[in-house]
PDB file of N, CA and C in Angstrom:
ATOM      1  N   MET A   1     102.951 134.895  89.071  1.00  0.00           N
ATOM      2  CA  MET A   1     101.807 134.499  90.025  1.00  0.00           C
ATOM      3  C   MET A   1     102.154 133.156  90.701  1.00  0.00           C
ATOM      4  N   SER A   2     101.842 133.124  91.980  1.00  0.00           N
ATOM      5  CA  SER A   2     102.167 131.953  92.744  1.00  0.00           C
ATOM      6  C   SER A   2     101.126 130.815  92.473  1.00  0.00           C
ATOM      7  N   ASP A   3     101.575 129.701  92.399  1.00  0.00           N
ATOM      8  CA  ASP A   3     100.700 128.423  92.106  1.00  0.00           C
ATOM      9  C   ASP A   3     100.595 127.626  93.372  1.00  0.00           C
ATOM     10  N   LEU A   4     100.996 128.066  94.457  1.00  0.00           N
ATOM     11  CA  LEU A   4     100.971 127.217  95.698  1.00  0.00           C
ATOM     12  C   LEU A   4      99.577 127.116  96.370  1.00  0.00           C
ATOM     13  N   ASN A   5      98.795 128.182  96.217  1.00  0.00           N
ATOM     14  CA  ASN A   5      97.459 128.193  96.941  1.00  0.00           C
ATOM     15  C   ASN A   5      97.655 127.976  98.396  1.00  0.00           C
ATOM     16  N   ASP A   6      98.665 128.494  99.008  1.00  0.00           N
ATOM     17  CA  ASP A   6      99.014 128.384 100.478  1.00  0.00           C
ATOM     18  C   ASP A   6      99.114 129.718 101.085  1.00  0.00           C
ATOM     19  N   PRO A   7      98.352 130.063 102.190  1.00  0.00           N
ATOM     20  CA  PRO A   7      98.468 131.211 102.860  1.00  0.00           C
ATOM     21  C   PRO A   7      99.843 131.413 103.509  1.00  0.00           C
ATOM     22  N   ARG A   8     100.640 130.446 103.695  1.00  0.00           N
ATOM     23  CA  ARG A   8     101.872 130.659 104.326  1.00  0.00           C
ATOM     24  C   ARG A   8     102.805 131.511 103.506  1.00  0.00           C
ATOM     25  N   VAL A   9     102.590 131.610 102.027  1.00  0.00           N
ATOM     26  CA  VAL A   9     103.359 132.396 101.396  1.00  0.00           C
ATOM     27  C   VAL A   9     103.143 133.839 101.706  1.00  0.00           C
ATOM     28  N   PHE A  10     101.838 134.192 101.925  1.00  0.00           N
ATOM     29  CA  PHE A  10     101.465 135.565 102.325  1.00  0.00           C
ATOM     30  C   PHE A  10     102.122 135.888 103.649  1.00  0.00           C
ATOM     31  N   PHE A  11     101.949 134.904 104.652  1.00  0.00           N
ATOM     32  CA  PHE A  11     102.475 135.256 105.884  1.00  0.00           C
ATOM     33  C   PHE A  11     103.975 135.380 105.982  1.00  0.00           C
ATOM     34  N   ALA A  12     104.760 134.616 105.022  1.00  0.00           N
ATOM     35  CA  ALA A  12     106.179 134.769 104.994  1.00  0.00           C
ATOM     36  C   ALA A  12     106.533 136.083 104.477  1.00  0.00           C
ATOM     37  N   ALA A  13     105.824 136.643 103.497  1.00  0.00           N
ATOM     38  CA  ALA A  13     106.008 137.920 102.952  1.00  0.00           C
ATOM     39  C   ALA A  13     105.775 139.045 104.023  1.00  0.00           C
ATOM     40  N   GLU A  14     104.717 138.794 104.791  1.00  0.00           N
ATOM     41  CA  GLU A  14     104.484 139.774 105.868  1.00  0.00           C
ATOM     42  C   GLU A  14     105.566 139.734 106.980  1.00  0.00           C
ATOM     43  N   ARG A  15     106.030 138.554 107.341  1.00  0.00           N
ATOM     44  CA  ARG A  15     107.051 138.418 108.225  1.00  0.00           C
ATOM     45  C   ARG A  15     108.341 139.164 107.773  1.00  0.00           C
ATOM     46  N   THR A  16     108.617 139.033 106.501  1.00  0.00           N
ATOM     47  CA  THR A  16     109.766 139.718 105.931  1.00  0.00           C
ATOM     48  C   THR A  16     109.634 141.294 106.043  1.00  0.00           C
ATOM     49  N   LEU A  17     108.378 141.691 105.758  1.00  0.00           N
ATOM     50  CA  LEU A  17     108.184 143.088 105.888  1.00  0.00           C
ATOM     51  C   LEU A  17     108.434 143.594 107.308  1.00  0.00           C
ATOM     52  N   LEU A  18     107.932 142.884 108.176  1.00  0.00           N
ATOM     53  CA  LEU A  18     107.994 143.307 109.699  1.00  0.00           C
ATOM     54  C   LEU A  18     109.479 143.139 110.155  1.00  0.00           C
ATOM     55  N   ALA A  19     110.165 142.186 109.666  1.00  0.00           N
ATOM     56  CA  ALA A  19     111.655 142.148 109.937  1.00  0.00           C
ATOM     57  C   ALA A  19     112.454 143.405 109.384  1.00  0.00           C
ATOM     58  N   TRP A  20     112.072 143.823 108.132  1.00  0.00           N
ATOM     59  CA  TRP A  20     112.669 145.051 107.709  1.00  0.00           C
ATOM     60  C   TRP A  20     112.341 146.297 108.389  1.00  0.00           C
ATOM     61  N   THR A  21     110.969 146.270 108.966  1.00  0.00           N
ATOM     62  CA  THR A  21     110.552 147.369 109.805  1.00  0.00           C
ATOM     63  C   THR A  21     111.383 147.351 111.099  1.00  0.00           C
ATOM     64  N   ARG A  22     111.549 146.264 111.755  1.00  0.00           N
ATOM     65  CA  ARG A  22     112.405 146.243 112.851  1.00  0.00           C
ATOM     66  C   ARG A  22     113.916 146.667 112.606  1.00  0.00           C
ATOM     67  N   THR A  23     114.382 146.199 111.503  1.00  0.00           N
ATOM     68  CA  THR A  23     115.723 146.746 111.155  1.00  0.00           C
ATOM     69  C   THR A  23     115.813 148.272 110.968  1.00  0.00           C
ATOM     70  N   ALA A  24     114.768 148.764 110.289  1.00  0.00           N
ATOM     71  CA  ALA A  24     114.698 150.205 110.076  1.00  0.00           C
ATOM     72  C   ALA A  24     114.447 150.917 111.468  1.00  0.00           C
ATOM     73  N   LEU A  25     113.788 150.418 112.337  1.00  0.00           N
ATOM     74  CA  LEU A  25     113.665 151.079 113.708  1.00  0.00           C
ATOM     75  C   LEU A  25     114.976 150.988 114.432  1.00  0.00           C
ATOM     76  N   ALA A  26     115.721 149.914 114.369  1.00  0.00           N
ATOM     77  CA  ALA A  26     116.982 149.820 115.015  1.00  0.00           C
ATOM     78  C   ALA A  26     117.956 150.858 114.380  1.00  0.00           C
ATOM     79  N   LEU A  27     117.950 150.977 112.955  1.00  0.00           N
ATOM     80  CA  LEU A  27     118.877 151.924 112.360  1.00  0.00           C
ATOM     81  C   LEU A  27     118.462 153.359 112.910  1.00  0.00           C
ATOM     82  N   MET A  28     117.206 153.626 112.901  1.00  0.00           N
ATOM     83  CA  MET A  28     116.746 154.988 113.412  1.00  0.00           C
ATOM     84  C   MET A  28     117.121 155.291 114.889  1.00  0.00           C
ATOM     85  N   ALA A  29     116.925 154.232 115.697  1.00  0.00           N
ATOM     86  CA  ALA A  29     117.332 154.511 117.100  1.00  0.00           C
ATOM     87  C   ALA A  29     118.800 154.626 117.103  1.00  0.00           C
ATOM     88  N   PHE A  30     119.602 153.868 116.517  1.00  0.00           N
ATOM     89  CA  PHE A  30     121.151 153.911 116.617  1.00  0.00           C
ATOM     90  C   PHE A  30     121.480 155.315 116.056  1.00  0.00           C
ATOM     91  N   GLY A  31     120.823 155.786 114.944  1.00  0.00           N
ATOM     92  CA  GLY A  31     121.262 157.102 114.391  1.00  0.00           C
ATOM     93  C   GLY A  31     120.862 158.213 115.332  1.00  0.00           C
ATOM     94  N   PHE A  32     119.776 158.081 116.042  1.00  0.00           N
ATOM     95  CA  PHE A  32     119.396 159.231 116.992  1.00  0.00           C
ATOM     96  C   PHE A  32     120.441 159.207 118.152  1.00  0.00           C
ATOM     97  N   ALA A  33     120.880 157.973 118.615  1.00  0.00           N
ATOM     98  CA  ALA A  33     121.748 157.900 119.771  1.00  0.00           C
ATOM     99  C   ALA A  33     123.063 158.495 119.309  1.00  0.00           C
ATOM    100  N   ILE A  34     123.503 158.262 118.135  1.00  0.00           N
ATOM    101  CA  ILE A  34     124.757 158.742 117.666  1.00  0.00           C
ATOM    102  C   ILE A  34     124.674 160.226 117.437  1.00  0.00           C
ATOM    103  N   GLU A  35     123.527 160.863 117.000  1.00  0.00           N
ATOM    104  CA  GLU A  35     123.359 162.242 116.902  1.00  0.00           C
ATOM    105  C   GLU A  35     123.413 163.000 118.231  1.00  0.00           C
ATOM    106  N   ARG A  36     122.787 162.368 119.211  1.00  0.00           N
ATOM    107  CA  ARG A  36     122.762 162.984 120.488  1.00  0.00           C
ATOM    108  C   ARG A  36     124.061 162.753 121.308  1.00  0.00           C
ATOM    109  N   PHE A  37     124.883 161.851 120.792  1.00  0.00           N
ATOM    110  CA  PHE A  37     126.197 161.587 121.494  1.00  0.00           C
ATOM    111  C   PHE A  37     127.044 162.918 121.619  1.00  0.00           C
ATOM    112  N   ALA A  38     126.918 163.738 120.620  1.00  0.00           N
ATOM    113  CA  ALA A  38     127.764 164.996 120.649  1.00  0.00           C
ATOM    114  C   ALA A  38     127.274 165.918 121.753  1.00  0.00           C
ATOM    115  N   LEU A  39     125.976 165.950 121.964  1.00  0.00           N
ATOM    116  CA  LEU A  39     125.352 166.736 123.130  1.00  0.00           C
ATOM    117  C   LEU A  39     125.848 166.149 124.412  1.00  0.00           C
ATOM    118  N   PHE A  40     125.898 164.840 124.607  1.00  0.00           N
ATOM    119  CA  PHE A  40     126.311 164.168 125.789  1.00  0.00           C
ATOM    120  C   PHE A  40     127.754 164.544 126.195  1.00  0.00           C
ATOM    121  N   VAL A  41     128.683 164.405 125.063  1.00  0.00           N
ATOM    122  CA  VAL A  41     130.003 164.747 125.218  1.00  0.00           C
ATOM    123  C   VAL A  41     130.240 166.223 125.589  1.00  0.00           C
ATOM    124  N   ALA A  42     129.457 167.058 124.943  1.00  0.00           N
ATOM    125  CA  ALA A  42     129.524 168.530 125.293  1.00  0.00           C
ATOM    126  C   ALA A  42     129.095 168.825 126.743  1.00  0.00           C
ATOM    127  N   MET A  43     128.075 168.159 127.193  1.00  0.00           N
ATOM    128  CA  MET A  43     127.644 168.308 128.548  1.00  0.00           C
ATOM    129  C   MET A  43     128.624 167.800 129.607  1.00  0.00           C
ATOM    130  N   MET A  44     129.398 166.722 129.114  1.00  0.00           N
ATOM    131  CA  MET A  44     130.418 166.209 130.205  1.00  0.00           C
ATOM    132  C   MET A  44     131.581 167.200 130.173  1.00  0.00           C
ATOM    133  N   HIS A  45     131.823 167.833 129.047  1.00  0.00           N
ATOM    134  CA  HIS A  45     133.069 168.690 129.009  1.00  0.00           C
ATOM    135  C   HIS A  45     132.700 170.005 129.746  1.00  0.00           C
ATOM    136  N   ASN A  46     131.674 170.643 129.388  1.00  0.00           N
ATOM    137  CA  ASN A  46     131.382 171.984 130.021  1.00  0.00           C
ATOM    138  C   ASN A  46     129.859 172.153 129.999  1.00  0.00           C
ATOM    139  N   PRO A  47     129.176 171.832 131.037  1.00  0.00           N
ATOM    140  CA  PRO A  47     127.687 171.886 131.059  1.00  0.00           C
ATOM    141  C   PRO A  47     127.050 173.233 130.921  1.00  0.00           C
ATOM    142  N   GLN A  48     127.855 174.360 131.135  1.00  0.00           N
ATOM    143  CA  GLN A  48     127.286 175.619 131.018  1.00  0.00           C
ATOM    144  C   GLN A  48     127.159 176.168 129.610  1.00  0.00           C
ATOM    145  N   THR A  49     127.959 175.702 128.687  1.00  0.00           N
ATOM    146  CA  THR A  49     128.026 176.229 127.355  1.00  0.00           C
ATOM    147  C   THR A  49     127.625 175.130 126.266  1.00  0.00           C
ATOM    148  N   VAL A  50     126.681 174.210 126.658  1.00  0.00           N
ATOM    149  CA  VAL A  50     126.364 173.126 125.866  1.00  0.00           C
ATOM    150  C   VAL A  50     125.790 173.669 124.447  1.00  0.00           C
ATOM    151  N   ALA A  51     124.767 174.628 124.586  1.00  0.00           N
ATOM    152  CA  ALA A  51     124.094 174.985 123.366  1.00  0.00           C
ATOM    153  C   ALA A  51     125.041 175.676 122.298  1.00  0.00           C
ATOM    154  N   ALA A  52     126.015 176.411 122.849  1.00  0.00           N
ATOM    155  CA  ALA A  52     126.941 177.105 121.913  1.00  0.00           C
ATOM    156  C   ALA A  52     127.954 176.122 121.289  1.00  0.00           C
ATOM    157  N   GLN A  53     128.310 175.019 121.898  1.00  0.00           N
ATOM    158  CA  GLN A  53     129.268 174.097 121.512  1.00  0.00           C
ATOM    159  C   GLN A  53     128.791 173.126 120.462  1.00  0.00           C
ATOM    160  N   VAL A  54     127.591 172.619 120.534  1.00  0.00           N
ATOM    161  CA  VAL A  54     127.058 171.571 119.744  1.00  0.00           C
ATOM    162  C   VAL A  54     126.563 172.067 118.391  1.00  0.00           C
ATOM    163  N   GLY A  55     127.191 171.695 117.412  1.00  0.00           N
ATOM    164  CA  GLY A  55     126.839 172.219 116.071  1.00  0.00           C
ATOM    165  C   GLY A  55     126.536 170.999 115.154  1.00  0.00           C
ATOM    166  N   HIS A  56     126.653 171.164 113.834  1.00  0.00           N
ATOM    167  CA  HIS A  56     126.497 170.114 112.876  1.00  0.00           C
ATOM    168  C   HIS A  56     127.843 169.391 112.604  1.00  0.00           C
ATOM    169  N   GLY A  57     128.260 168.727 113.667  1.00  0.00           N
ATOM    170  CA  GLY A  57     129.492 167.951 113.581  1.00  0.00           C
ATOM    171  C   GLY A  57     129.230 166.544 112.828  1.00  0.00           C
ATOM    172  N   SER A  58     130.243 165.751 112.928  1.00  0.00           N
ATOM    173  CA  SER A  58     130.191 164.485 112.240  1.00  0.00           C
ATOM    174  C   SER A  58     129.176 163.463 112.806  1.00  0.00           C
ATOM    175  N   SER A  59     128.965 163.582 114.196  1.00  0.00           N
ATOM    176  CA  SER A  59     128.042 162.758 114.790  1.00  0.00           C
ATOM    177  C   SER A  59     126.613 163.085 114.330  1.00  0.00           C
ATOM    178  N   PHE A  60     126.404 164.364 114.198  1.00  0.00           N
ATOM    179  CA  PHE A  60     125.043 164.844 113.729  1.00  0.00           C
ATOM    180  C   PHE A  60     124.719 164.228 112.277  1.00  0.00           C
ATOM    181  N   TRP A  61     125.782 164.357 111.298  1.00  0.00           N
ATOM    182  CA  TRP A  61     125.540 163.815 110.048  1.00  0.00           C
ATOM    183  C   TRP A  61     125.480 162.333 109.946  1.00  0.00           C
ATOM    184  N   ILE A  62     126.257 161.644 110.760  1.00  0.00           N
ATOM    185  CA  ILE A  62     126.154 160.205 110.726  1.00  0.00           C
ATOM    186  C   ILE A  62     124.848 159.761 111.328  1.00  0.00           C
ATOM    187  N   GLY A  63     124.386 160.405 112.345  1.00  0.00           N
ATOM    188  CA  GLY A  63     123.053 160.073 112.965  1.00  0.00           C
ATOM    189  C   GLY A  63     121.972 160.281 111.958  1.00  0.00           C
ATOM    190  N   VAL A  64     121.958 161.464 111.319  1.00  0.00           N
ATOM    191  CA  VAL A  64     120.896 161.787 110.315  1.00  0.00           C
ATOM    192  C   VAL A  64     120.954 160.822 109.228  1.00  0.00           C
ATOM    193  N   ALA A  65     122.125 160.376 108.743  1.00  0.00           N
ATOM    194  CA  ALA A  65     122.327 159.475 107.650  1.00  0.00           C
ATOM    195  C   ALA A  65     121.611 158.036 108.002  1.00  0.00           C
ATOM    196  N   LEU A  66     121.943 157.630 109.284  1.00  0.00           N
ATOM    197  CA  LEU A  66     121.362 156.353 109.638  1.00  0.00           C
ATOM    198  C   LEU A  66     119.839 156.370 109.827  1.00  0.00           C
ATOM    199  N   ILE A  67     119.269 157.661 110.217  1.00  0.00           N
ATOM    200  CA  ILE A  67     117.870 157.756 110.356  1.00  0.00           C
ATOM    201  C   ILE A  67     117.292 157.741 108.933  1.00  0.00           C
ATOM    202  N   ALA A  68     117.851 158.508 108.027  1.00  0.00           N
ATOM    203  CA  ALA A  68     117.457 158.472 106.668  1.00  0.00           C
ATOM    204  C   ALA A  68     117.472 157.097 105.916  1.00  0.00           C
ATOM    205  N   LEU A  69     118.497 156.405 106.295  1.00  0.00           N
ATOM    206  CA  LEU A  69     118.711 154.945 105.794  1.00  0.00           C
ATOM    207  C   LEU A  69     117.576 154.082 106.288  1.00  0.00           C
ATOM    208  N   GLY A  70     117.291 154.298 107.644  1.00  0.00           N
ATOM    209  CA  GLY A  70     116.149 153.438 108.157  1.00  0.00           C
ATOM    210  C   GLY A  70     114.827 153.735 107.566  1.00  0.00           C
ATOM    211  N   SER A  71     114.523 155.063 107.232  1.00  0.00           N
ATOM    212  CA  SER A  71     113.399 155.458 106.672  1.00  0.00           C
ATOM    213  C   SER A  71     113.277 154.982 105.238  1.00  0.00           C
ATOM    214  N   LEU A  72     114.299 155.126 104.430  1.00  0.00           N
ATOM    215  CA  LEU A  72     114.381 154.578 103.193  1.00  0.00           C
ATOM    216  C   LEU A  72     114.182 153.051 103.140  1.00  0.00           C
ATOM    217  N   ALA A  73     114.809 152.374 103.934  1.00  0.00           N
ATOM    218  CA  ALA A  73     114.707 150.938 104.017  1.00  0.00           C
ATOM    219  C   ALA A  73     113.304 150.508 104.225  1.00  0.00           C
ATOM    220  N   VAL A  74     112.473 151.113 105.153  1.00  0.00           N
ATOM    221  CA  VAL A  74     111.184 150.546 105.422  1.00  0.00           C
ATOM    222  C   VAL A  74     110.220 150.981 104.273  1.00  0.00           C
ATOM    223  N   VAL A  75     110.512 152.103 103.567  1.00  0.00           N
ATOM    224  CA  VAL A  75     109.657 152.454 102.442  1.00  0.00           C
ATOM    225  C   VAL A  75     109.877 151.483 101.318  1.00  0.00           C
ATOM    226  N   LEU A  76     111.159 151.173 101.056  1.00  0.00           N
ATOM    227  CA  LEU A  76     111.509 150.176  99.999  1.00  0.00           C
ATOM    228  C   LEU A  76     110.947 148.778 100.333  1.00  0.00           C
ATOM    229  N   ALA A  77     110.917 148.464 101.745  1.00  0.00           N
ATOM    230  CA  ALA A  77     110.318 147.152 102.083  1.00  0.00           C
ATOM    231  C   ALA A  77     108.953 147.024 101.748  1.00  0.00           C
ATOM    232  N   VAL A  78     108.232 148.129 102.055  1.00  0.00           N
ATOM    233  CA  VAL A  78     106.712 148.250 101.731  1.00  0.00           C
ATOM    234  C   VAL A  78     106.505 148.015 100.225  1.00  0.00           C
ATOM    235  N   VAL A  79     107.227 148.734  99.455  1.00  0.00           N
ATOM    236  CA  VAL A  79     107.161 148.559  97.970  1.00  0.00           C
ATOM    237  C   VAL A  79     107.323 147.121  97.554  1.00  0.00           C
ATOM    238  N   GLN A  80     108.362 146.511  98.086  1.00  0.00           N
ATOM    239  CA  GLN A  80     108.647 145.096  97.841  1.00  0.00           C
ATOM    240  C   GLN A  80     107.536 144.157  98.167  1.00  0.00           C
ATOM    241  N   TYR A  81     107.016 144.514  99.429  1.00  0.00           N
ATOM    242  CA  TYR A  81     105.906 143.725 100.013  1.00  0.00           C
ATOM    243  C   TYR A  81     104.592 143.746  99.166  1.00  0.00           C
ATOM    244  N   ARG A  82     104.299 144.942  98.726  1.00  0.00           N
ATOM    245  CA  ARG A  82     103.160 145.192  97.802  1.00  0.00           C
ATOM    246  C   ARG A  82     103.265 144.548  96.472  1.00  0.00           C
ATOM    247  N   ARG A  83     104.523 144.503  95.975  1.00  0.00           N
ATOM    248  CA  ARG A  83     104.736 143.734  94.712  1.00  0.00           C
ATOM    249  C   ARG A  83     104.539 142.190  94.883  1.00  0.00           C
ATOM    250  N   VAL A  84     104.970 141.688  96.031  1.00  0.00           N
ATOM    251  CA  VAL A  84     104.735 140.264  96.257  1.00  0.00           C
ATOM    252  C   VAL A  84     103.213 140.067  96.366  1.00  0.00           C
ATOM    253  N   LEU A  85     102.506 140.917  97.194  1.00  0.00           N
ATOM    254  CA  LEU A  85     100.995 140.676  97.242  1.00  0.00           C
ATOM    255  C   LEU A  85     100.365 140.724  95.975  1.00  0.00           C
ATOM    256  N   ALA A  86     100.821 141.542  94.982  1.00  0.00           N
ATOM    257  CA  ALA A  86     100.206 141.598  93.744  1.00  0.00           C
ATOM    258  C   ALA A  86     100.299 140.253  92.927  1.00  0.00           C
ATOM    259  N   THR A  87     101.280 139.398  93.400  1.00  0.00           N
ATOM    260  CA  THR A  87     101.419 138.175  92.624  1.00  0.00           C
ATOM    261  C   THR A  87     100.669 137.032  93.308  1.00  0.00           C
ATOM    262  N   LEU A  88     100.023 137.253  94.439  1.00  0.00           N
ATOM    263  CA  LEU A  88      99.323 136.207  95.144  1.00  0.00           C
ATOM    264  C   LEU A  88      97.842 136.103  94.680  1.00  0.00           C
ATOM    265  N   LYS A  89      97.386 134.926  94.744  1.00  0.00           N
ATOM    266  CA  LYS A  89      95.898 134.662  94.351  1.00  0.00           C
ATOM    267  C   LYS A  89      95.103 135.007  95.602  1.00  0.00           C
ATOM    268  N   PRO A  90      93.843 135.352  95.485  1.00  0.00           N
ATOM    269  CA  PRO A  90      92.975 135.605  96.670  1.00  0.00           C
ATOM    270  C   PRO A  90      92.924 134.441  97.568  1.00  0.00           C
ATOM    271  N   VAL A  91      93.050 133.220  97.103  1.00  0.00           N
ATOM    272  CA  VAL A  91      92.971 132.010  98.064  1.00  0.00           C
ATOM    273  C   VAL A  91      94.199 132.030  98.990  1.00  0.00           C
ATOM    274  N   GLU A  92      95.237 132.812  98.503  1.00  0.00           N
ATOM    275  CA  GLU A  92      96.515 132.788  99.439  1.00  0.00           C
ATOM    276  C   GLU A  92      96.441 133.683 100.574  1.00  0.00           C
ATOM    277  N   ILE A  93      95.459 134.587 100.515  1.00  0.00           N
ATOM    278  CA  ILE A  93      95.286 135.626 101.562  1.00  0.00           C
ATOM    279  C   ILE A  93      94.018 135.318 102.321  1.00  0.00           C
ATOM    280  N   PRO A  94      94.043 134.939 103.688  1.00  0.00           N
ATOM    281  CA  PRO A  94      92.896 134.549 104.442  1.00  0.00           C
ATOM    282  C   PRO A  94      91.880 135.549 104.407  1.00  0.00           C
ATOM    283  N   ASP A  95      90.650 135.036 104.304  1.00  0.00           N
ATOM    284  CA  ASP A  95      89.423 135.881 104.235  1.00  0.00           C
ATOM    285  C   ASP A  95      89.311 136.850 105.493  1.00  0.00           C
ATOM    286  N   GLY A  96      89.040 138.045 105.386  1.00  0.00           N
ATOM    287  CA  GLY A  96      88.867 138.955 106.445  1.00  0.00           C
ATOM    288  C   GLY A  96      90.207 139.448 107.066  1.00  0.00           C
ATOM    289  N   TYR A  97      91.363 138.983 106.510  1.00  0.00           N
ATOM    290  CA  TYR A  97      92.619 139.520 107.012  1.00  0.00           C
ATOM    291  C   TYR A  97      92.906 140.714 106.536  1.00  0.00           C
ATOM    292  N   MET A  98      93.381 141.730 107.420  1.00  0.00           N
ATOM    293  CA  MET A  98      93.715 143.134 106.816  1.00  0.00           C
ATOM    294  C   MET A  98      95.122 143.130 106.324  1.00  0.00           C
ATOM    295  N   ALA A  99      95.257 142.829 105.096  1.00  0.00           N
ATOM    296  CA  ALA A  99      96.620 142.636 104.427  1.00  0.00           C
ATOM    297  C   ALA A  99      97.432 143.990 104.384  1.00  0.00           C
ATOM    298  N   GLY A 100      96.683 145.181 104.393  1.00  0.00           N
ATOM    299  CA  GLY A 100      97.376 146.360 104.234  1.00  0.00           C
ATOM    300  C   GLY A 100      97.841 146.979 105.676  1.00  0.00           C
ATOM    301  N   LEU A 101      97.457 146.276 106.794  1.00  0.00           N
ATOM    302  CA  LEU A 101      97.793 146.839 108.017  1.00  0.00           C
ATOM    303  C   LEU A 101      99.363 146.954 108.307  1.00  0.00           C
ATOM    304  N   ALA A 102     100.092 145.893 107.942  1.00  0.00           N
ATOM    305  CA  ALA A 102     101.496 145.873 108.012  1.00  0.00           C
ATOM    306  C   ALA A 102     102.112 147.020 107.218  1.00  0.00           C
ATOM    307  N   SER A 103     101.567 147.101 105.976  1.00  0.00           N
ATOM    308  CA  SER A 103     102.091 148.200 105.105  1.00  0.00           C
ATOM    309  C   SER A 103     101.912 149.563 105.613  1.00  0.00           C
ATOM    310  N   TRP A 104     100.752 149.846 106.181  1.00  0.00           N
ATOM    311  CA  TRP A 104     100.475 151.184 106.772  1.00  0.00           C
ATOM    312  C   TRP A 104     101.231 151.396 108.059  1.00  0.00           C
ATOM    313  N   THR A 105     101.449 150.412 108.883  1.00  0.00           N
ATOM    314  CA  THR A 105     102.310 150.616 110.094  1.00  0.00           C
ATOM    315  C   THR A 105     103.708 150.853 109.716  1.00  0.00           C
ATOM    316  N   SER A 106     104.303 150.085 108.719  1.00  0.00           N
ATOM    317  CA  SER A 106     105.641 150.341 108.200  1.00  0.00           C
ATOM    318  C   SER A 106     105.807 151.703 107.703  1.00  0.00           C
ATOM    319  N   LEU A 107     104.901 152.147 106.854  1.00  0.00           N
ATOM    320  CA  LEU A 107     104.943 153.434 106.276  1.00  0.00           C
ATOM    321  C   LEU A 107     104.934 154.477 107.406  1.00  0.00           C
ATOM    322  N   ALA A 108     104.198 154.343 108.389  1.00  0.00           N
ATOM    323  CA  ALA A 108     104.130 155.236 109.556  1.00  0.00           C
ATOM    324  C   ALA A 108     105.500 155.351 110.114  1.00  0.00           C
ATOM    325  N   VAL A 109     106.178 154.263 110.286  1.00  0.00           N
ATOM    326  CA  VAL A 109     107.493 154.245 110.821  1.00  0.00           C
ATOM    327  C   VAL A 109     108.436 155.135 110.058  1.00  0.00           C
ATOM    328  N   GLY A 110     108.397 155.016 108.742  1.00  0.00           N
ATOM    329  CA  GLY A 110     109.096 155.742 107.680  1.00  0.00           C
ATOM    330  C   GLY A 110     108.794 157.236 107.808  1.00  0.00           C
ATOM    331  N   VAL A 111     107.527 157.605 107.912  1.00  0.00           N
ATOM    332  CA  VAL A 111     107.127 159.028 108.091  1.00  0.00           C
ATOM    333  C   VAL A 111     107.671 159.549 109.529  1.00  0.00           C
ATOM    334  N   ILE A 112     107.578 158.782 110.521  1.00  0.00           N
ATOM    335  CA  ILE A 112     108.180 159.253 111.778  1.00  0.00           C
ATOM    336  C   ILE A 112     109.670 159.480 111.755  1.00  0.00           C
ATOM    337  N   GLY A 113     110.415 158.618 110.961  1.00  0.00           N
ATOM    338  CA  GLY A 113     111.737 158.857 110.663  1.00  0.00           C
ATOM    339  C   GLY A 113     112.102 160.155 110.079  1.00  0.00           C
ATOM    340  N   ILE A 114     111.259 160.451 109.042  1.00  0.00           N
ATOM    341  CA  ILE A 114     111.491 161.726 108.297  1.00  0.00           C
ATOM    342  C   ILE A 114     111.202 162.880 109.205  1.00  0.00           C
ATOM    343  N   ALA A 115     110.102 162.722 110.120  1.00  0.00           N
ATOM    344  CA  ALA A 115     109.735 163.796 110.962  1.00  0.00           C
ATOM    345  C   ALA A 115     110.800 163.939 111.998  1.00  0.00           C
ATOM    346  N   LEU A 116     111.601 162.983 112.363  1.00  0.00           N
ATOM    347  CA  LEU A 116     112.574 163.036 113.325  1.00  0.00           C
ATOM    348  C   LEU A 116     113.821 163.803 112.744  1.00  0.00           C
ATOM    349  N   ILE A 117     114.052 163.530 111.474  1.00  0.00           N
ATOM    350  CA  ILE A 117     115.063 164.377 110.722  1.00  0.00           C
ATOM    351  C   ILE A 117     114.911 165.787 110.650  1.00  0.00           C
ATOM    352  N   VAL A 118     113.555 166.094 110.380  1.00  0.00           N
ATOM    353  CA  VAL A 118     113.088 167.497 110.385  1.00  0.00           C
ATOM    354  C   VAL A 118     113.286 168.147 111.676  1.00  0.00           C
ATOM    355  N   GLN A 119     112.820 167.378 112.720  1.00  0.00           N
ATOM    356  CA  GLN A 119     113.028 167.927 114.129  1.00  0.00           C
ATOM    357  C   GLN A 119     114.424 168.158 114.382  1.00  0.00           C
ATOM    358  N   LEU A 120     115.379 167.243 114.116  1.00  0.00           N
ATOM    359  CA  LEU A 120     116.757 167.482 114.465  1.00  0.00           C
ATOM    360  C   LEU A 120     117.360 168.690 113.701  1.00  0.00           C
ATOM    361  N   PHE A 121     116.958 168.951 112.425  1.00  0.00           N
ATOM    362  CA  PHE A 121     117.389 170.106 111.706  1.00  0.00           C
ATOM    363  C   PHE A 121     116.855 171.392 112.321  1.00  0.00           C
ATOM    364  N   SER A 122     115.701 171.428 112.757  1.00  0.00           N
ATOM    365  CA  SER A 122     115.031 172.567 113.249  1.00  0.00           C
ATOM    366  C   SER A 122     115.387 172.814 114.628  1.00  0.00           C
ATOM    367  N   SER A 123     115.908 171.917 115.399  1.00  0.00           N
ATOM    368  CA  SER A 123     116.347 172.101 116.843  1.00  0.00           C
ATOM    369  C   SER A 123     117.749 172.769 116.817  1.00  0.00           C
ATOM    370  N   ARG A 124     118.536 172.693 115.608  1.00  0.00           N
ATOM    371  CA  ARG A 124     119.878 173.293 115.660  1.00  0.00           C
ATOM    372  C   ARG A 124     119.900 174.587 115.255  1.00  0.00           C
TER     373      ARG A 124
END
């Protein structure tokens, strides 16, 4: 339990969660770009037979792995943030502040990442 009685501890924890969320979003965006790179290369090579050429190659698996890593990172960041919140005293969280908003937003990013993986598998 914290003995600081200072809301800056809470805000530092929230900033850390949001930094992990940004990192997860970057991983997911980079993974999606890598996954779609095979489609781009196939289009440049022969635009008429794109659908037949693009399969589950290495760019697909690397892209999906990065998207999954981003989703996992954001979920673990929320778990860590909630553990830190449990150690804080009520005086360290400002009155009326929605402490769970960052958690729910971050979890939504993780769910969207998982939905993106499902969509990528179903579109192949």
